[in-house]
Amino acid sequence: MQIAYRARDITEAHIVAGLLEANGIETYVGGHYLQGAMGEIGTAGFSNVHVADEDLYRARQLVSEYESSGYGRVVTGDGEDRPDDYARWFLLVLAVIGLILLNF
């Protein structure tokens, strides 16, 4: 078996494995127990999608299409509000209100 894809986390590995299996390529996702060694926080670099040697070329073609479609990329800095931006503003407002109340 060969590594067809190195995923950021176990969830992404299963997404890619599902894509490959939907296209008739048998897969094996490795790295389940290695991620647990780091606790509940998802760690990167331990999850791999393996395929048979004869399916490697086709699998990498499908992975390349997956990545170029935009689903495999993390989009940041595009000018749109992200959920964590709202949390930052909320905490800033709370801090300002707290300072105002402490001065009274």
Protein backbone atom coordinates (compact mmCIF):
# COMPACT_ATOMS: atom_id res chain seq x y z
CA MET A 1 0.00 0.00 0.00
CA GLN A 2 1.08 3.55 -0.77
CA ILE A 3 0.15 6.87 0.85
CA ALA A 4 -2.16 8.70 -1.54
CA TYR A 5 -2.92 11.64 0.76
CA ARG A 6 -1.52 13.14 3.96
CA ALA A 7 -4.42 14.81 5.75
CA ARG A 8 -4.41 17.59 8.33
CA ASP A 9 -6.62 15.56 10.65
CA ILE A 10 -8.55 12.30 10.83
CA THR A 11 -11.78 13.91 9.62
CA GLU A 12 -10.21 15.19 6.42
CA ALA A 13 -8.59 11.78 5.88
CA HIS A 14 -12.01 10.12 6.01
CA ILE A 15 -13.48 12.70 3.63
CA VAL A 16 -10.77 11.97 1.06
CA ALA A 17 -11.09 8.22 1.66
CA GLY A 18 -14.83 8.49 1.00
CA LEU A 19 -14.15 10.37 -2.22
CA LEU A 20 -11.73 7.68 -3.38
CA GLU A 21 -14.07 4.83 -2.40
CA ALA A 22 -16.93 6.51 -4.25
CA ASN A 23 -14.72 6.29 -7.33
CA GLY A 24 -14.00 2.59 -6.86
CA ILE A 25 -10.65 2.80 -5.07
CA GLU A 26 -10.29 0.78 -1.88
CA THR A 27 -8.67 2.80 0.92
CA TYR A 28 -7.25 2.43 4.39
CA VAL A 29 -7.09 5.40 6.78
CA GLY A 30 -4.19 5.25 9.21
CA GLY A 31 -3.39 7.36 12.23
CA HIS A 32 -6.44 6.89 14.46
CA TYR A 33 -4.48 5.90 17.54
CA LEU A 34 -1.66 8.37 16.98
CA GLN A 35 -4.06 11.28 17.20
CA GLY A 36 -5.38 10.06 20.54
CA ALA A 37 -1.89 10.25 22.00
CA MET A 38 -2.10 14.03 21.78
CA GLY A 39 -5.36 14.28 23.71
CA GLU A 40 -8.66 15.65 22.48
CA ILE A 41 -7.04 18.39 20.40
CA GLY A 42 -6.79 17.38 16.76
CA THR A 43 -3.18 17.15 15.70
CA ALA A 44 -1.86 17.47 12.19
CA GLY A 45 0.29 15.15 10.16
CA PHE A 46 -0.65 11.78 11.63
CA SER A 47 -3.53 10.85 9.34
CA ASN A 48 -2.83 9.24 5.98
CA VAL A 49 -5.00 7.70 3.29
CA HIS A 50 -3.44 4.54 1.87
CA VAL A 51 -4.36 2.84 -1.41
CA ALA A 52 -3.14 -0.22 -3.28
CA ASP A 53 -0.06 0.27 -5.45
CA GLU A 54 -2.00 -0.12 -8.69
CA ASP A 55 -4.55 2.55 -7.63
CA LEU A 56 -2.00 5.17 -6.59
CA TYR A 57 -1.93 7.16 -9.85
CA ARG A 58 -5.73 7.40 -10.15
CA ALA A 59 -6.06 8.21 -6.43
CA ARG A 60 -3.58 11.08 -6.68
CA GLN A 61 -5.46 12.43 -9.71
CA LEU A 62 -8.70 12.45 -7.71
CA VAL A 63 -6.97 14.07 -4.73
CA SER A 64 -5.55 16.73 -7.02
CA GLU A 65 -9.05 17.46 -8.35
CA TYR A 66 -10.36 17.58 -4.77
CA GLU A 67 -7.70 20.10 -3.74
CA SER A 68 -8.15 22.28 -6.83
CA SER A 69 -11.92 22.43 -6.26
CA GLY A 70 -11.35 24.48 -3.12
CA TYR A 71 -12.68 21.92 -0.63
CA GLY A 72 -9.21 20.87 0.45
CA ARG A 73 -7.96 24.36 1.20
CA VAL A 74 -8.35 26.53 4.27
CA VAL A 75 -9.46 29.99 3.16
CA THR A 76 -8.32 32.86 5.35
CA GLY A 77 -7.89 36.58 4.87
CA ASP A 78 -10.56 36.92 2.23
CA GLY A 79 -12.14 39.94 3.89
CA GLU A 80 -15.24 38.14 5.11
CA ASP A 81 -16.11 37.94 8.78
CA ARG A 82 -15.19 34.65 10.40
CA PRO A 83 -16.95 33.36 13.55
CA ASP A 84 -13.88 34.03 15.71
CA ASP A 85 -13.91 37.71 14.66
CA TYR A 86 -17.26 38.14 16.40
CA ALA A 87 -15.87 36.56 19.56
CA ARG A 88 -12.92 38.98 19.54
CA TRP A 89 -15.21 41.98 19.19
CA PHE A 90 -17.49 40.67 21.94
CA LEU A 91 -14.53 40.25 24.31
CA LEU A 92 -13.24 43.72 23.46
CA VAL A 93 -16.65 45.26 24.23
CA LEU A 94 -16.81 43.33 27.53
CA ALA A 95 -13.35 44.57 28.48
CA VAL A 96 -14.30 48.20 27.75
CA ILE A 97 -17.52 47.90 29.74
CA GLY A 98 -15.60 46.30 32.60
CA LEU A 99 -13.08 49.15 32.65
CA ILE A 100 -15.87 51.72 32.64
CA LEU A 101 -17.63 49.99 35.54
CA LEU A 102 -14.39 49.73 37.55
CA ASN A 103 -13.84 53.49 37.26
CA PHE A 104 -17.21 54.28 38.89
